Amino acid sequence: MTQAMPEITLRRWAEPEDSPFAEPVFLFDSDDLPEELSHVSVVLRSAGLKRARELLTRGAERVLPGEAALLDSSLVEDLSREFGSERVGVWVPARRLEVSWALDLHSNADFRCVTPSYGKPAWEVLKSDGSGSGTDAGWWLGQMLERGASLALLGADIANDTDLNLCAELVEQFGACLWLTPLANPEADLLPWIQFGQARNLAIPNSEHYAEAAMLVRCQALEPAIADVA
């Protein structure tokens, strides 16, 4: 029997000049944010507790700190305690963790072997300047949810089957708390993310390439394929 199609939720990225917003949107923090923030989840690339409090006090639906939470996990705990977990998320820009190889001279006296620096493929959290932190994105995401975040928005560029498998693993682990969005590729094909990466919550760039109505139609057309892999 064909399974029912899982619910797929799309939320668009917006610009300050697009306001007022009739539906929930994601918006990167800037100096020209609109006054009305009731439908806005504001992503803070680097700003910390002071800015997050200011935006929540102004009525932002949610704030998603990035590097500041990476440097100090108590930020998420403090905001969740003060404003409620449902208004706090985290921004998780990520890329594939580079694996280096080294000659192991110590583990076995009889032979030498080359060992990887990391045992399996993973994404690492990026700093606000785009450099790597070496922090496993899946592990850190779980830590932030335990500390009070209710949502994690992971930005990544899925390039191959390994990335799709990583995506599917995180969706299975974190379910509805996990949202995904392209990080640097403005016209990424999101259909494999849905079909093979099991993505169910997507933040889509506000462009003709990602016209929401067209995306929904295409997602519905995938129903048989999604049911086969679900």
C-alpha atoms as a PDB file:
ATOM      1  CA  MET A   1       0.000   0.000   0.000  1.00  0.00           C
ATOM      2  CA  THR A   2       1.294   3.451  -0.908  1.00  0.00           C
ATOM      3  CA  GLN A   3       2.089   5.491   2.174  1.00  0.00           C
ATOM      4  CA  ALA A   4       0.640   8.959   2.662  1.00  0.00           C
ATOM      5  CA  MET A   5       3.000  11.726   1.655  1.00  0.00           C
ATOM      6  CA  PRO A   6       4.804  13.261   4.650  1.00  0.00           C
ATOM      7  CA  GLU A   7       3.987  16.894   5.288  1.00  0.00           C
ATOM      8  CA  ILE A   8       6.504  19.285   3.746  1.00  0.00           C
ATOM      9  CA  THR A   9       6.670  22.812   5.146  1.00  0.00           C
ATOM     10  CA  LEU A  10       8.224  25.659   3.177  1.00  0.00           C
ATOM     11  CA  ARG A  11       9.143  29.012   4.689  1.00  0.00           C
ATOM     12  CA  ARG A  12      10.804  31.717   2.649  1.00  0.00           C
ATOM     13  CA  TRP A  13      13.776  33.933   3.305  1.00  0.00           C
ATOM     14  CA  ALA A  14      12.850  37.608   3.157  1.00  0.00           C
ATOM     15  CA  GLU A  15      14.475  41.026   2.960  1.00  0.00           C
ATOM     16  CA  PRO A  16      13.604  43.974   5.235  1.00  0.00           C
ATOM     17  CA  GLU A  17      12.006  45.827   2.333  1.00  0.00           C
ATOM     18  CA  ASP A  18       9.557  42.939   1.815  1.00  0.00           C
ATOM     19  CA  SER A  19       7.665  43.849   4.994  1.00  0.00           C
ATOM     20  CA  PRO A  20       4.965  43.767   6.207  1.00  0.00           C
ATOM     21  CA  PHE A  21       4.927  39.972   6.371  1.00  0.00           C
ATOM     22  CA  ALA A  22       1.643  38.120   6.177  1.00  0.00           C
ATOM     23  CA  GLU A  23       3.222  34.755   6.974  1.00  0.00           C
ATOM     24  CA  PRO A  24       6.249  33.537   8.958  1.00  0.00           C
ATOM     25  CA  VAL A  25       9.618  34.250   7.313  1.00  0.00           C
ATOM     26  CA  PHE A  26      13.329  33.956   8.052  1.00  0.00           C
ATOM     27  CA  LEU A  27      15.383  37.134   7.952  1.00  0.00           C
ATOM     28  CA  PHE A  28      19.086  37.777   8.563  1.00  0.00           C
ATOM     29  CA  ASP A  29      19.749  40.430  11.174  1.00  0.00           C
ATOM     30  CA  SER A  30      20.664  43.886   9.870  1.00  0.00           C
ATOM     31  CA  ASP A  31      20.518  47.548  10.818  1.00  0.00           C
ATOM     32  CA  ASP A  32      17.358  48.115   8.771  1.00  0.00           C
ATOM     33  CA  LEU A  33      15.028  45.466  10.151  1.00  0.00           C
ATOM     34  CA  PRO A  34      11.346  46.447   9.933  1.00  0.00           C
ATOM     35  CA  GLU A  35       9.540  47.639  13.053  1.00  0.00           C
ATOM     36  CA  GLU A  36       6.985  44.832  12.804  1.00  0.00           C
ATOM     37  CA  LEU A  37       8.707  41.521  13.636  1.00  0.00           C
ATOM     38  CA  SER A  38       5.782  39.387  14.765  1.00  0.00           C
ATOM     39  CA  HIS A  39       6.165  36.916  11.877  1.00  0.00           C
ATOM     40  CA  VAL A  40       9.954  37.050  11.684  1.00  0.00           C
ATOM     41  CA  SER A  41      12.538  34.508  12.805  1.00  0.00           C
ATOM     42  CA  VAL A  42      15.730  36.580  12.903  1.00  0.00           C
ATOM     43  CA  VAL A  43      19.016  34.796  12.183  1.00  0.00           C
ATOM     44  CA  LEU A  44      21.996  36.278  14.062  1.00  0.00           C
ATOM     45  CA  ARG A  45      25.218  35.360  12.296  1.00  0.00           C
ATOM     46  CA  SER A  46      27.448  36.685  15.078  1.00  0.00           C
ATOM     47  CA  ALA A  47      25.475  38.956  17.426  1.00  0.00           C
ATOM     48  CA  GLY A  48      24.943  37.731  20.944  1.00  0.00           C
ATOM     49  CA  LEU A  49      22.719  37.983  23.991  1.00  0.00           C
ATOM     50  CA  LYS A  50      22.151  41.752  23.991  1.00  0.00           C
ATOM     51  CA  ARG A  51      20.947  41.864  20.392  1.00  0.00           C
ATOM     52  CA  ALA A  52      18.840  38.723  20.783  1.00  0.00           C
ATOM     53  CA  ARG A  53      17.086  40.198  23.825  1.00  0.00           C
ATOM     54  CA  GLU A  54      16.455  43.445  21.972  1.00  0.00           C
ATOM     55  CA  LEU A  55      14.807  41.661  19.043  1.00  0.00           C
ATOM     56  CA  LEU A  56      12.679  39.405  21.241  1.00  0.00           C
ATOM     57  CA  THR A  57      11.538  42.414  23.274  1.00  0.00           C
ATOM     58  CA  ARG A  58      10.576  44.116  19.990  1.00  0.00           C
ATOM     59  CA  GLY A  59       8.318  41.175  19.214  1.00  0.00           C
ATOM     60  CA  ALA A  60      10.379  38.908  16.956  1.00  0.00           C
ATOM     61  CA  GLU A  61       8.760  35.506  16.623  1.00  0.00           C
ATOM     62  CA  ARG A  62      12.105  33.825  17.256  1.00  0.00           C
ATOM     63  CA  VAL A  63      15.835  34.535  17.281  1.00  0.00           C
ATOM     64  CA  LEU A  64      18.420  32.079  15.985  1.00  0.00           C
ATOM     65  CA  PRO A  65      21.924  32.947  17.235  1.00  0.00           C
ATOM     66  CA  GLY A  66      24.846  31.342  15.443  1.00  0.00           C
ATOM     67  CA  GLU A  67      28.489  31.970  16.323  1.00  0.00           C
ATOM     68  CA  ALA A  68      27.645  33.558  19.681  1.00  0.00           C
ATOM     69  CA  ALA A  69      25.873  30.360  20.763  1.00  0.00           C
ATOM     70  CA  LEU A  70      28.766  28.300  19.427  1.00  0.00           C
ATOM     71  CA  LEU A  71      31.139  30.255  21.649  1.00  0.00           C
ATOM     72  CA  ASP A  72      28.832  30.286  24.693  1.00  0.00           C
ATOM     73  CA  SER A  73      26.068  27.690  24.964  1.00  0.00           C
ATOM     74  CA  SER A  74      24.647  29.423  28.049  1.00  0.00           C
ATOM     75  CA  LEU A  75      23.257  32.068  25.680  1.00  0.00           C
ATOM     76  CA  VAL A  76      20.564  29.634  24.510  1.00  0.00           C
ATOM     77  CA  GLU A  77      19.764  28.605  28.074  1.00  0.00           C
ATOM     78  CA  ASP A  78      19.465  32.226  29.210  1.00  0.00           C
ATOM     79  CA  LEU A  79      17.183  33.228  26.338  1.00  0.00           C
ATOM     80  CA  SER A  80      14.988  30.152  26.693  1.00  0.00           C
ATOM     81  CA  ARG A  81      14.578  30.746  30.411  1.00  0.00           C
ATOM     82  CA  GLU A  82      13.758  34.434  29.901  1.00  0.00           C
ATOM     83  CA  PHE A  83      11.534  34.345  26.794  1.00  0.00           C
ATOM     84  CA  GLY A  84      10.486  30.711  26.422  1.00  0.00           C
ATOM     85  CA  SER A  85      11.983  27.906  24.393  1.00  0.00           C
ATOM     86  CA  GLU A  86       9.537  28.368  21.507  1.00  0.00           C
ATOM     87  CA  ARG A  87      11.098  31.760  20.736  1.00  0.00           C
ATOM     88  CA  VAL A  88      14.689  30.526  20.619  1.00  0.00           C
ATOM     89  CA  GLY A  89      16.461  28.583  17.878  1.00  0.00           C
ATOM     90  CA  VAL A  90      19.979  28.257  16.522  1.00  0.00           C
ATOM     91  CA  TRP A  91      21.563  29.029  13.164  1.00  0.00           C
ATOM     92  CA  VAL A  92      23.873  26.205  12.042  1.00  0.00           C
ATOM     93  CA  PRO A  93      25.858  27.023   8.880  1.00  0.00           C
ATOM     94  CA  ALA A  94      27.732  23.842   7.967  1.00  0.00           C
ATOM     95  CA  ARG A  95      29.973  22.131   5.464  1.00  0.00           C
ATOM     96  CA  ARG A  96      31.575  18.731   5.173  1.00  0.00           C
ATOM     97  CA  LEU A  97      34.235  18.210   7.810  1.00  0.00           C
ATOM     98  CA  GLU A  98      37.562  17.716   6.104  1.00  0.00           C
ATOM     99  CA  VAL A  99      39.223  14.410   6.916  1.00  0.00           C
ATOM    100  CA  SER A 100      42.996  14.364   7.188  1.00  0.00           C
ATOM    101  CA  TRP A 101      45.150  11.249   7.324  1.00  0.00           C
ATOM    102  CA  ALA A 102      48.121  10.489   9.549  1.00  0.00           C
ATOM    103  CA  LEU A 103      50.564   7.636   9.975  1.00  0.00           C
ATOM    104  CA  ASP A 104      49.788   5.832  13.242  1.00  0.00           C
ATOM    105  CA  LEU A 105      53.104   4.937  14.896  1.00  0.00           C
ATOM    106  CA  HIS A 106      51.832   3.933  18.322  1.00  0.00           C
ATOM    107  CA  SER A 107      48.703   1.769  18.359  1.00  0.00           C
ATOM    108  CA  ASN A 108      50.416  -1.438  17.202  1.00  0.00           C
ATOM    109  CA  ALA A 109      54.097  -2.217  17.545  1.00  0.00           C
ATOM    110  CA  ASP A 110      54.078  -4.764  14.708  1.00  0.00           C
ATOM    111  CA  PHE A 111      52.836  -2.570  11.889  1.00  0.00           C
ATOM    112  CA  ARG A 112      52.031   0.992  10.982  1.00  0.00           C
ATOM    113  CA  CYS A 113      48.791   2.190   9.424  1.00  0.00           C
ATOM    114  CA  VAL A 114      47.281   5.372   8.071  1.00  0.00           C
ATOM    115  CA  THR A 115      44.297   6.557  10.139  1.00  0.00           C
ATOM    116  CA  PRO A 116      41.701   9.270   9.449  1.00  0.00           C
ATOM    117  CA  SER A 117      41.260  12.256  11.755  1.00  0.00           C
ATOM    118  CA  TYR A 118      37.511  11.578  11.873  1.00  0.00           C
ATOM    119  CA  GLY A 119      35.905   8.167  11.750  1.00  0.00           C
ATOM    120  CA  LYS A 120      32.894   8.909   9.542  1.00  0.00           C
ATOM    121  CA  PRO A 121      31.560  11.697   7.286  1.00  0.00           C
ATOM    122  CA  ALA A 122      30.137  14.677   9.148  1.00  0.00           C
ATOM    123  CA  TRP A 123      29.266  18.334   8.758  1.00  0.00           C
ATOM    124  CA  GLU A 124      31.096  20.916  10.846  1.00  0.00           C
ATOM    125  CA  VAL A 125      29.626  24.164  12.148  1.00  0.00           C
ATOM    126  CA  LEU A 126      31.047  27.246  10.443  1.00  0.00           C
ATOM    127  CA  LYS A 127      31.958  30.513  12.112  1.00  0.00           C
ATOM    128  CA  SER A 128      30.379  33.752  10.922  1.00  0.00           C
ATOM    129  CA  ASP A 129      33.352  34.453   8.626  1.00  0.00           C
ATOM    130  CA  GLY A 130      32.888  31.092   6.880  1.00  0.00           C
ATOM    131  CA  SER A 131      35.856  29.383   8.490  1.00  0.00           C
ATOM    132  CA  GLY A 132      35.523  25.963  10.059  1.00  0.00           C
ATOM    133  CA  SER A 133      35.138  25.434  13.789  1.00  0.00           C
ATOM    134  CA  GLY A 134      35.856  21.695  13.815  1.00  0.00           C
ATOM    135  CA  THR A 135      32.618  21.183  15.794  1.00  0.00           C
ATOM    136  CA  ASP A 136      30.394  18.341  14.614  1.00  0.00           C
ATOM    137  CA  ALA A 137      27.136  19.984  13.475  1.00  0.00           C
ATOM    138  CA  GLY A 138      24.902  17.075  14.480  1.00  0.00           C
ATOM    139  CA  TRP A 139      26.388  16.858  17.968  1.00  0.00           C
ATOM    140  CA  TRP A 140      26.208  20.620  18.512  1.00  0.00           C
ATOM    141  CA  LEU A 141      22.660  20.819  17.215  1.00  0.00           C
ATOM    142  CA  GLY A 142      21.617  18.197  19.756  1.00  0.00           C
ATOM    143  CA  GLN A 143      23.353  20.102  22.549  1.00  0.00           C
ATOM    144  CA  MET A 144      21.512  23.310  21.675  1.00  0.00           C
ATOM    145  CA  LEU A 145      18.130  21.581  21.610  1.00  0.00           C
ATOM    146  CA  GLU A 146      18.868  20.067  25.025  1.00  0.00           C
ATOM    147  CA  ARG A 147      19.719  23.518  26.351  1.00  0.00           C
ATOM    148  CA  GLY A 148      16.384  24.982  25.311  1.00  0.00           C
ATOM    149  CA  ALA A 149      16.365  25.793  21.590  1.00  0.00           C
ATOM    150  CA  SER A 150      13.157  24.672  19.899  1.00  0.00           C
ATOM    151  CA  LEU A 151      14.384  24.897  16.294  1.00  0.00           C
ATOM    152  CA  ALA A 152      17.645  24.526  14.405  1.00  0.00           C
ATOM    153  CA  LEU A 153      18.091  26.004  10.932  1.00  0.00           C
ATOM    154  CA  LEU A 154      20.948  24.188   9.214  1.00  0.00           C
ATOM    155  CA  GLY A 155      22.455  25.859   6.154  1.00  0.00           C
ATOM    156  CA  ALA A 156      24.380  23.504   3.897  1.00  0.00           C
ATOM    157  CA  ASP A 157      25.130  22.826   0.247  1.00  0.00           C
ATOM    158  CA  ILE A 158      24.298  19.202  -0.469  1.00  0.00           C
ATOM    159  CA  ALA A 159      26.630  17.996  -3.189  1.00  0.00           C
ATOM    160  CA  ASN A 160      26.399  14.199  -3.277  1.00  0.00           C
ATOM    161  CA  ASP A 161      24.987  11.019  -1.764  1.00  0.00           C
ATOM    162  CA  THR A 162      27.145  11.352   1.343  1.00  0.00           C
ATOM    163  CA  ASP A 163      25.590  14.739   2.101  1.00  0.00           C
ATOM    164  CA  LEU A 164      22.112  13.350   1.442  1.00  0.00           C
ATOM    165  CA  ASN A 165      22.785  10.536   3.907  1.00  0.00           C
ATOM    166  CA  LEU A 166      23.978  13.030   6.514  1.00  0.00           C
ATOM    167  CA  CYS A 167      20.823  15.035   5.939  1.00  0.00           C
ATOM    168  CA  ALA A 168      18.587  11.982   6.333  1.00  0.00           C
ATOM    169  CA  GLU A 169      20.353  10.957   9.546  1.00  0.00           C
ATOM    170  CA  LEU A 170      19.797  14.386  11.106  1.00  0.00           C
ATOM    171  CA  VAL A 171      16.148  14.482  10.031  1.00  0.00           C
ATOM    172  CA  GLU A 172      15.613  11.061  11.607  1.00  0.00           C
ATOM    173  CA  GLN A 173      17.330  12.196  14.799  1.00  0.00           C
ATOM    174  CA  PHE A 174      15.769  15.629  15.255  1.00  0.00           C
ATOM    175  CA  GLY A 175      12.504  15.465  13.308  1.00  0.00           C
ATOM    176  CA  ALA A 176      10.350  18.581  13.220  1.00  0.00           C
ATOM    177  CA  CYS A 177      12.946  20.646  15.120  1.00  0.00           C
ATOM    178  CA  LEU A 178      15.254  20.610  12.088  1.00  0.00           C
ATOM    179  CA  TRP A 179      14.941  23.049   9.189  1.00  0.00           C
ATOM    180  CA  LEU A 180      17.269  23.053   6.191  1.00  0.00           C
ATOM    181  CA  THR A 181      18.281  25.746   3.724  1.00  0.00           C
ATOM    182  CA  PRO A 182      20.882  26.195   0.961  1.00  0.00           C
ATOM    183  CA  LEU A 183      23.979  27.925   2.304  1.00  0.00           C
ATOM    184  CA  ALA A 184      25.810  29.342  -0.722  1.00  0.00           C
ATOM    185  CA  ASN A 185      24.165  27.868  -3.821  1.00  0.00           C
ATOM    186  CA  PRO A 186      21.304  30.237  -4.742  1.00  0.00           C
ATOM    187  CA  GLU A 187      19.667  27.740  -7.099  1.00  0.00           C
ATOM    188  CA  ALA A 188      20.203  24.383  -5.426  1.00  0.00           C
ATOM    189  CA  ASP A 189      17.871  21.607  -6.533  1.00  0.00           C
ATOM    190  CA  LEU A 190      15.941  20.863  -3.340  1.00  0.00           C
ATOM    191  CA  LEU A 191      14.008  17.898  -4.675  1.00  0.00           C
ATOM    192  CA  PRO A 192      16.773  15.372  -3.830  1.00  0.00           C
ATOM    193  CA  TRP A 193      16.865  16.901  -0.347  1.00  0.00           C
ATOM    194  CA  ILE A 194      13.206  15.941   0.009  1.00  0.00           C
ATOM    195  CA  GLN A 195      13.293  12.619  -1.791  1.00  0.00           C
ATOM    196  CA  PHE A 196      16.572  11.163  -0.532  1.00  0.00           C
ATOM    197  CA  GLY A 197      17.621  13.468   2.313  1.00  0.00           C
ATOM    198  CA  GLN A 198      14.158  13.179   3.886  1.00  0.00           C
ATOM    199  CA  ALA A 199      14.012  16.960   4.411  1.00  0.00           C
ATOM    200  CA  ARG A 200      10.561  18.035   5.564  1.00  0.00           C
ATOM    201  CA  ASN A 201      11.080  21.644   6.689  1.00  0.00           C
ATOM    202  CA  LEU A 202      12.777  23.921   4.162  1.00  0.00           C
ATOM    203  CA  ALA A 203      13.684  27.599   4.220  1.00  0.00           C
ATOM    204  CA  ILE A 204      13.711  28.634   0.563  1.00  0.00           C
ATOM    205  CA  PRO A 205      15.330  31.701  -1.021  1.00  0.00           C
ATOM    206  CA  ASN A 206      12.855  34.352  -2.111  1.00  0.00           C
ATOM    207  CA  SER A 207      13.377  34.001  -5.853  1.00  0.00           C
ATOM    208  CA  GLU A 208      11.538  32.826  -8.950  1.00  0.00           C
ATOM    209  CA  HIS A 209      13.616  29.655  -8.881  1.00  0.00           C
ATOM    210  CA  TYR A 210      11.922  28.731  -5.615  1.00  0.00           C
ATOM    211  CA  ALA A 211       8.396  29.959  -6.279  1.00  0.00           C
ATOM    212  CA  GLU A 212       6.507  28.413  -3.381  1.00  0.00           C
ATOM    213  CA  ALA A 213       3.495  27.292  -5.377  1.00  0.00           C
ATOM    214  CA  ALA A 214       5.706  25.569  -7.941  1.00  0.00           C
ATOM    215  CA  MET A 215       7.718  23.876  -5.203  1.00  0.00           C
ATOM    216  CA  LEU A 216       4.576  22.493  -3.596  1.00  0.00           C
ATOM    217  CA  VAL A 217       3.333  21.137  -6.912  1.00  0.00           C
ATOM    218  CA  ARG A 218       6.668  19.458  -7.574  1.00  0.00           C
ATOM    219  CA  CYS A 219       6.740  18.014  -4.053  1.00  0.00           C
ATOM    220  CA  GLN A 220       3.290  16.510  -4.609  1.00  0.00           C
ATOM    221  CA  ALA A 221       4.518  14.999  -7.866  1.00  0.00           C
ATOM    222  CA  LEU A 222       7.188  13.195  -5.832  1.00  0.00           C
ATOM    223  CA  GLU A 223       4.644  11.397  -3.661  1.00  0.00           C
ATOM    224  CA  PRO A 224       5.222   7.866  -5.040  1.00  0.00           C
ATOM    225  CA  ALA A 225       9.009   8.205  -4.866  1.00  0.00           C
ATOM    226  CA  ILE A 226       8.938   9.637  -1.342  1.00  0.00           C
ATOM    227  CA  ALA A 227       6.677   6.819  -0.177  1.00  0.00           C
ATOM    228  CA  ASP A 228       9.128   4.278  -1.587  1.00  0.00           C
ATOM    229  CA  VAL A 229      12.077   5.667   0.383  1.00  0.00           C
ATOM    230  CA  ALA A 230      10.258   6.772   3.558  1.00  0.00           C
END
